């Protein structure tokens, strides 16, 4: 068993961990291990939204997917879909780079910039957005329930850790983030600026905002486990995700999207995830530790795990980043006012 924090990012703690040095977790978990020279990753959420069904949204995102295959494109991307609370089909390509330079080279290509800046984007009856985050390695963590399959940013890693110590308790997420050894990563005192009126809006980042992608893959489940996931876990999970999407501002959540993976044709894949941005890591922790919607998710999952005697084919993972204001690019074109962080910033 080893620490979730990689050796090259460990330092003497000035802030105490939530777990004692002799803590032993109740079940195994693993984290992705990145090369020491991977100091920053890029997560680009490139989305479209529209009324008129999934096929229209798939047609709208096709040019974006073509751009991802250009030189200096991402190491990996996922495609996912959901219908938001306003009834808009939303399709997002989540693209990952393992360094800032290739992302900058990719995004500066004329095929990317000219398409995004074209006035045509404002007249197609489709909303476009790009929410891009650039977390540094010391403000980023992953967690996997199985040792044999990566997801998301983990696909940029070179290997998986051995079983890690910092999980299975409230506060484990923070303890896995290297910066937590010395930094509270609390709320930034800077006041966000209200976006200027218009149909093409760039929203300023919020310092120390916390981003989480937390997913589940039930594609290999069978029999009783599959039934328990679909009938017991997923409905409770969906209710929690709906709460964050519709009322998350009350608990410090800027936005939440509960999405299902799809293939290039729009066919659903048996994998889903919640994607949310929070005012601070503490707000996220407070919801997970004490809010009835998350306690219901956690309690239902633990009941199923025990019923299955800890023998599960269900795969779980998450990735969490705490990002500075300057490590965020939030841009919306022709989007409705409740899209992403527009709602939180009072965009027109």
Protein backbone atom coordinates (compact mmCIF):
# COMPACT_ATOMS: atom_id res chain seq x y z
CA UNK A 1 0.00 0.00 0.00
CA UNK A 2 1.28 3.46 -0.90
CA UNK A 3 0.31 7.10 -0.70
CA UNK A 4 -1.95 8.49 -3.40
CA UNK A 5 0.39 11.50 -3.64
CA UNK A 6 3.28 10.66 -5.99
CA UNK A 7 6.74 10.71 -4.44
CA UNK A 8 7.96 13.73 -6.42
CA UNK A 9 5.07 15.86 -5.09
CA UNK A 10 5.27 14.87 -1.43
CA UNK A 11 6.52 17.43 1.10
CA UNK A 12 6.36 17.98 4.86
CA UNK A 13 2.77 18.68 5.83
CA UNK A 14 1.84 21.98 7.41
CA UNK A 15 -1.83 20.97 7.25
CA UNK A 16 -2.97 17.76 8.90
CA UNK A 17 -4.49 14.95 6.84
CA UNK A 18 -7.99 13.77 7.75
CA UNK A 19 -6.83 10.17 8.35
CA UNK A 20 -4.23 8.94 10.83
CA UNK A 21 -0.92 7.46 9.73
CA UNK A 22 -2.04 3.93 10.67
CA UNK A 23 -5.39 4.10 8.86
CA UNK A 24 -6.24 1.08 6.69
CA UNK A 25 -9.02 1.50 4.09
CA UNK A 26 -11.90 -1.01 4.09
CA UNK A 27 -11.56 -1.88 0.39
CA UNK A 28 -8.92 -1.33 -2.32
CA UNK A 29 -8.61 1.63 -4.67
CA UNK A 30 -6.01 2.95 -7.08
CA UNK A 31 -4.90 6.26 -8.64
CA UNK A 32 -3.38 7.12 -12.00
CA UNK A 33 0.37 7.75 -12.03
CA UNK A 34 1.66 10.42 -14.40
CA UNK A 35 5.24 11.03 -15.47
CA UNK A 36 7.03 13.52 -13.25
CA UNK A 37 7.41 15.85 -16.23
CA UNK A 38 3.62 16.02 -16.63
CA UNK A 39 3.19 19.22 -14.65
CA UNK A 40 -0.12 20.37 -16.09
CA UNK A 41 -3.03 18.79 -17.95
CA UNK A 42 -5.74 20.33 -20.12
CA UNK A 43 -9.40 19.32 -19.94
CA UNK A 44 -11.49 20.90 -22.68
CA UNK A 45 -15.27 20.48 -22.55
CA UNK A 46 -16.42 21.36 -26.07
CA UNK A 47 -20.21 21.37 -26.21
CA UNK A 48 -23.26 22.01 -28.34
CA UNK A 49 -26.85 22.49 -27.23
CA UNK A 50 -30.05 22.67 -29.23
CA UNK A 51 -33.73 21.96 -29.34
CA UNK A 52 -34.82 19.43 -31.91
CA UNK A 53 -33.33 16.16 -30.75
CA UNK A 54 -30.05 14.31 -30.46
CA UNK A 55 -29.55 13.95 -34.22
CA UNK A 56 -29.44 17.72 -34.61
CA UNK A 57 -26.91 18.02 -31.78
CA UNK A 58 -24.76 15.26 -33.29
CA UNK A 59 -24.71 17.05 -36.63
CA UNK A 60 -23.74 20.29 -34.90
CA UNK A 61 -20.79 18.79 -33.03
CA UNK A 62 -19.35 16.98 -36.05
CA UNK A 63 -17.13 19.93 -37.11
CA UNK A 64 -15.71 20.09 -33.59
CA UNK A 65 -14.90 16.39 -33.67
CA UNK A 66 -13.14 16.88 -36.98
CA UNK A 67 -11.00 19.61 -35.43
CA UNK A 68 -9.91 17.22 -32.66
CA UNK A 69 -8.16 15.08 -35.27
CA UNK A 70 -5.94 17.96 -36.42
CA UNK A 71 -2.26 18.14 -35.54
CA UNK A 72 -1.54 18.71 -31.83
CA UNK A 73 -5.00 17.36 -31.04
CA UNK A 74 -5.86 15.71 -27.72
CA UNK A 75 -4.40 12.43 -26.53
CA UNK A 76 -7.95 11.24 -25.87
CA UNK A 77 -11.53 12.44 -25.92
CA UNK A 78 -14.90 11.12 -24.76
CA UNK A 79 -18.29 11.92 -26.25
CA UNK A 80 -21.34 12.23 -23.98
CA UNK A 81 -24.97 13.39 -24.09
CA UNK A 82 -27.73 14.57 -21.79
CA UNK A 83 -30.90 16.65 -21.93
CA UNK A 84 -30.64 19.65 -19.65
CA UNK A 85 -33.33 21.03 -17.34
CA UNK A 86 -34.49 23.41 -20.09
CA UNK A 87 -35.03 20.52 -22.52
CA UNK A 88 -31.96 21.15 -24.70
CA UNK A 89 -30.04 18.17 -26.05
CA UNK A 90 -26.43 18.71 -25.07
CA UNK A 91 -23.48 16.82 -26.55
CA UNK A 92 -19.98 17.38 -25.19
CA UNK A 93 -16.60 16.19 -26.40
CA UNK A 94 -14.29 16.01 -23.38
CA UNK A 95 -10.74 16.31 -24.70
CA UNK A 96 -7.50 15.78 -22.75
CA UNK A 97 -3.95 16.98 -23.32
CA UNK A 98 -1.03 16.11 -21.03
CA UNK A 99 0.70 19.49 -21.51
CA UNK A 100 -0.33 23.07 -22.19
CA UNK A 101 1.85 23.70 -25.27
CA UNK A 102 0.20 21.19 -27.64
CA UNK A 103 -3.25 22.44 -26.64
CA UNK A 104 -2.20 26.01 -27.42
CA UNK A 105 -0.77 24.90 -30.77
CA UNK A 106 -3.99 23.07 -31.57
CA UNK A 107 -6.34 25.88 -30.61
CA UNK A 108 -4.31 28.50 -32.54
CA UNK A 109 -4.73 26.69 -35.86
CA UNK A 110 -6.84 28.64 -38.34
CA UNK A 111 -9.24 25.72 -38.82
CA UNK A 112 -10.10 25.95 -35.13
CA UNK A 113 -10.07 29.73 -34.60
CA UNK A 114 -11.89 30.66 -37.81
CA UNK A 115 -14.70 28.18 -37.18
CA UNK A 116 -15.18 29.26 -33.58
CA UNK A 117 -15.07 33.00 -34.35
CA UNK A 118 -17.27 32.81 -37.45
CA UNK A 119 -20.46 34.93 -37.29
CA UNK A 120 -22.27 31.86 -38.60
CA UNK A 121 -22.11 30.36 -35.12
CA UNK A 122 -24.66 32.98 -34.04
CA UNK A 123 -27.23 32.19 -36.73
CA UNK A 124 -27.44 28.39 -36.78
CA UNK A 125 -29.99 27.98 -34.01
CA UNK A 126 -27.41 26.03 -31.99
CA UNK A 127 -25.53 26.98 -28.83
CA UNK A 128 -21.80 26.29 -28.55
CA UNK A 129 -19.55 26.45 -25.53
CA UNK A 130 -16.03 25.61 -24.47
CA UNK A 131 -15.15 25.25 -20.82
CA UNK A 132 -11.41 24.61 -20.61
CA UNK A 133 -9.47 23.92 -17.43
CA UNK A 134 -5.69 23.79 -17.01
CA UNK A 135 -5.02 22.24 -13.57
CA UNK A 136 -1.46 21.73 -12.37
CA UNK A 137 -0.41 18.30 -11.14
CA UNK A 138 -0.29 19.40 -7.51
CA UNK A 139 -3.99 20.39 -7.68
CA UNK A 140 -5.37 17.30 -9.33
CA UNK A 141 -6.27 13.76 -8.24
CA UNK A 142 -7.88 10.60 -9.60
CA UNK A 143 -9.44 7.49 -8.07
CA UNK A 144 -10.34 4.10 -9.57
CA UNK A 145 -12.23 1.17 -8.05
CA UNK A 146 -10.48 -1.39 -10.25
CA UNK A 147 -6.82 -1.70 -11.32
CA UNK A 148 -7.35 -2.73 -14.93
CA UNK A 149 -9.06 0.13 -16.76
CA UNK A 150 -8.45 3.87 -17.06
CA UNK A 151 -11.06 6.53 -17.78
CA UNK A 152 -10.90 10.25 -18.51
CA UNK A 153 -7.65 11.97 -17.64
CA UNK A 154 -6.33 8.63 -16.38
CA UNK A 155 -5.80 7.69 -20.01
CA UNK A 156 -2.95 10.22 -20.08
CA UNK A 157 -1.16 8.37 -17.29
CA UNK A 158 1.69 5.93 -17.75
CA UNK A 159 0.58 3.45 -15.11
CA UNK A 160 -1.71 2.78 -12.17
CA UNK A 161 -0.51 2.93 -8.58
CA UNK A 162 -0.47 0.09 -6.14
CA UNK A 163 -3.37 0.11 -3.67
CA UNK A 164 -3.51 3.52 -2.02
CA UNK A 165 -4.16 4.58 1.55
CA UNK A 166 -6.13 7.83 1.23
CA UNK A 167 -9.66 6.68 0.46
CA UNK A 168 -12.75 5.20 2.09
CA UNK A 169 -13.26 8.12 4.49
CA UNK A 170 -14.67 11.63 4.35
CA UNK A 171 -11.78 13.88 3.43
CA UNK A 172 -9.88 11.32 1.36
CA UNK A 173 -10.44 13.36 -1.79
CA UNK A 174 -8.66 16.37 -0.32
CA UNK A 175 -5.87 14.22 1.12
CA UNK A 176 -5.12 12.83 -2.35
CA UNK A 177 -4.49 16.32 -3.78
CA UNK A 178 -0.78 17.11 -3.32
CA UNK A 179 -1.39 20.82 -2.67
CA UNK A 180 -3.50 19.95 0.38
CA UNK A 181 -0.27 19.19 2.24
CA UNK A 182 0.33 22.92 2.64
CA UNK A 183 -2.62 24.80 1.10
CA UNK A 184 -6.25 25.07 2.29
CA UNK A 185 -7.31 25.89 -1.30
CA UNK A 186 -10.07 28.07 0.13
CA UNK A 187 -12.37 30.54 -1.56
CA UNK A 188 -10.72 33.23 -3.63
CA UNK A 189 -11.71 36.68 -2.38
CA UNK A 190 -11.82 38.14 -5.88
CA UNK A 191 -15.32 39.07 -7.05
CA UNK A 192 -16.26 37.68 -10.44
CA UNK A 193 -17.22 40.22 -13.08
CA UNK A 194 -20.68 40.08 -14.59
CA UNK A 195 -20.42 39.04 -18.25
CA UNK A 196 -21.06 41.72 -20.83
CA UNK A 197 -24.39 41.49 -22.69
CA UNK A 198 -24.31 39.67 -25.99
CA UNK A 199 -24.61 36.29 -27.59
CA UNK A 200 -20.88 35.55 -27.43
CA UNK A 201 -19.87 35.64 -23.77
CA UNK A 202 -16.57 34.95 -22.00
CA UNK A 203 -17.05 34.43 -18.27
CA UNK A 204 -14.16 35.11 -15.89
CA UNK A 205 -12.90 32.15 -13.90
CA UNK A 206 -13.44 31.79 -10.16
CA UNK A 207 -10.27 31.20 -8.15
CA UNK A 208 -9.95 27.78 -6.49
CA UNK A 209 -13.09 26.43 -8.12
CA UNK A 210 -13.35 22.63 -7.81
CA UNK A 211 -14.14 20.49 -10.85
CA UNK A 212 -15.21 16.86 -10.56
CA UNK A 213 -16.01 14.18 -13.11
CA UNK A 214 -17.33 11.11 -11.30
CA UNK A 215 -18.33 8.11 -13.38
CA UNK A 216 -19.62 4.57 -13.45
CA UNK A 217 -19.32 1.79 -16.02
CA UNK A 218 -21.93 -0.96 -15.72
CA UNK A 219 -21.22 -2.58 -19.08
CA UNK A 220 -19.79 -5.78 -17.57
CA UNK A 221 -22.36 -6.23 -14.81
CA UNK A 222 -24.63 -9.27 -14.97
CA UNK A 223 -27.49 -10.92 -13.12
CA UNK A 224 -28.20 -9.67 -9.62
CA UNK A 225 -25.51 -6.99 -9.68
CA UNK A 226 -26.87 -5.50 -12.91
CA UNK A 227 -30.41 -5.51 -11.56
CA UNK A 228 -29.31 -3.87 -8.31
CA UNK A 229 -27.41 -1.17 -10.17
CA UNK A 230 -30.28 -0.33 -12.51
CA UNK A 231 -33.10 -0.61 -9.96
CA UNK A 232 -31.44 0.60 -6.74
CA UNK A 233 -28.26 2.60 -7.37
CA UNK A 234 -28.96 4.47 -10.62
CA UNK A 235 -32.31 6.02 -9.58
CA UNK A 236 -30.82 7.38 -6.35
CA UNK A 237 -27.74 8.59 -8.22
CA UNK A 238 -29.98 10.28 -10.80
CA UNK A 239 -31.98 12.02 -8.08
CA UNK A 240 -28.78 13.43 -6.56
CA UNK A 241 -27.58 14.61 -9.95
CA UNK A 242 -30.95 16.26 -10.64
CA UNK A 243 -30.75 18.09 -7.31
CA UNK A 244 -27.34 19.52 -8.19
CA UNK A 245 -28.48 20.58 -11.65
CA UNK A 246 -31.68 22.24 -10.47
CA UNK A 247 -30.83 23.46 -6.94
CA UNK A 248 -27.07 23.13 -6.71
CA UNK A 249 -26.53 26.86 -6.27
CA UNK A 250 -27.86 26.48 -2.72
CA UNK A 251 -24.91 24.22 -1.83
CA UNK A 252 -22.19 25.98 -3.84
CA UNK A 253 -22.44 24.06 -7.12
CA UNK A 254 -22.19 26.29 -10.19
CA UNK A 255 -23.50 23.61 -12.54
CA UNK A 256 -23.95 19.86 -12.83
CA UNK A 257 -24.43 17.66 -15.88
CA UNK A 258 -25.39 14.00 -15.56
CA UNK A 259 -24.24 12.54 -18.87
CA UNK A 260 -24.12 9.20 -20.68
CA UNK A 261 -21.30 8.18 -22.98
CA UNK A 262 -22.25 7.83 -26.64
CA UNK A 263 -20.41 6.68 -29.74
CA UNK A 264 -19.82 8.75 -32.87
CA UNK A 265 -23.30 7.81 -34.17
CA UNK A 266 -25.06 8.86 -30.96
CA UNK A 267 -25.64 5.31 -29.72
CA UNK A 268 -25.54 5.14 -25.89
CA UNK A 269 -22.73 3.26 -24.13
CA UNK A 270 -23.28 1.75 -20.67
CA UNK A 271 -21.16 4.35 -18.92
CA UNK A 272 -22.23 7.61 -17.30
CA UNK A 273 -20.77 10.39 -15.16
CA UNK A 274 -21.66 13.49 -13.24
CA UNK A 275 -19.70 16.59 -14.20
CA UNK A 276 -19.89 19.56 -11.87
CA UNK A 277 -18.07 22.77 -11.01
CA UNK A 278 -18.11 24.01 -7.41
CA UNK A 279 -17.30 27.30 -5.74
CA UNK A 280 -14.63 25.54 -3.63
CA UNK A 281 -13.52 22.05 -2.71
CA UNK A 282 -15.05 22.61 0.73
CA UNK A 283 -18.49 23.15 -0.80
CA UNK A 284 -18.17 19.85 -2.63
CA UNK A 285 -16.99 18.09 0.53
CA UNK A 286 -19.83 19.52 2.59
CA UNK A 287 -22.44 18.25 0.13
CA UNK A 288 -20.88 14.79 -0.08
CA UNK A 289 -20.49 14.41 3.68
CA UNK A 290 -23.81 15.76 4.91
CA UNK A 291 -26.45 16.40 2.26
CA UNK A 292 -29.32 13.87 2.15
CA UNK A 293 -29.04 13.43 -1.62
CA UNK A 294 -25.42 12.28 -1.47
CA UNK A 295 -25.85 10.28 1.72
CA UNK A 296 -28.61 8.37 -0.07
CA UNK A 297 -26.24 7.61 -2.96
CA UNK A 298 -23.45 6.50 -0.64
CA UNK A 299 -25.74 4.45 1.60
CA UNK A 300 -27.39 2.66 -1.31
CA UNK A 301 -24.05 1.85 -2.90
CA UNK A 302 -22.61 0.45 0.34
CA UNK A 303 -25.70 -1.68 0.86
CA UNK A 304 -25.35 -3.15 -2.63
CA UNK A 305 -21.61 -3.68 -2.17
CA UNK A 306 -22.21 -5.65 1.01
CA UNK A 307 -25.07 -7.59 -0.57
CA UNK A 308 -22.68 -8.60 -3.37
CA UNK A 309 -19.96 -9.47 -0.82
CA UNK A 310 -17.66 -6.79 -2.32
CA UNK A 311 -17.48 -8.77 -5.60
CA UNK A 312 -18.46 -6.23 -8.23
CA UNK A 313 -18.07 -5.85 -11.97
CA UNK A 314 -19.25 -2.24 -11.68
CA UNK A 315 -16.34 0.14 -12.27
CA UNK A 316 -16.20 3.53 -10.58
CA UNK A 317 -13.78 6.41 -11.00
CA UNK A 318 -13.43 10.12 -10.53
CA UNK A 319 -11.07 12.99 -11.24
CA UNK A 320 -11.00 16.16 -9.16
CA UNK A 321 -9.17 19.44 -9.85
CA UNK A 322 -8.88 22.68 -7.92
CA UNK A 323 -8.22 25.38 -10.51
CA UNK A 324 -7.09 28.96 -10.20
CA UNK A 325 -9.05 31.68 -11.99
CA UNK A 326 -6.39 32.06 -14.68
CA UNK A 327 -6.53 28.31 -15.34
CA UNK A 328 -10.07 28.51 -16.71
CA UNK A 329 -11.46 29.59 -20.07
CA UNK A 330 -15.29 29.72 -20.10
CA UNK A 331 -16.86 30.81 -23.38
CA UNK A 332 -20.46 30.56 -24.58
CA UNK A 333 -21.86 31.31 -28.03
CA UNK A 334 -25.61 31.57 -28.59
CA UNK A 335 -26.31 29.57 -25.40
CA UNK A 336 -29.38 29.87 -23.19
CA UNK A 337 -28.76 31.77 -19.92
CA UNK A 338 -28.78 28.69 -17.68
CA UNK A 339 -25.88 27.03 -19.51
CA UNK A 340 -22.87 26.16 -17.38
CA UNK A 341 -21.59 29.06 -15.32
CA UNK A 342 -23.77 31.61 -17.13
CA UNK A 343 -26.53 30.92 -14.61
CA UNK A 344 -24.25 31.55 -11.63
CA UNK A 345 -22.88 34.77 -13.12
CA UNK A 346 -26.24 36.22 -14.05
CA UNK A 347 -25.56 36.37 -17.77
CA UNK A 348 -28.30 37.99 -19.85
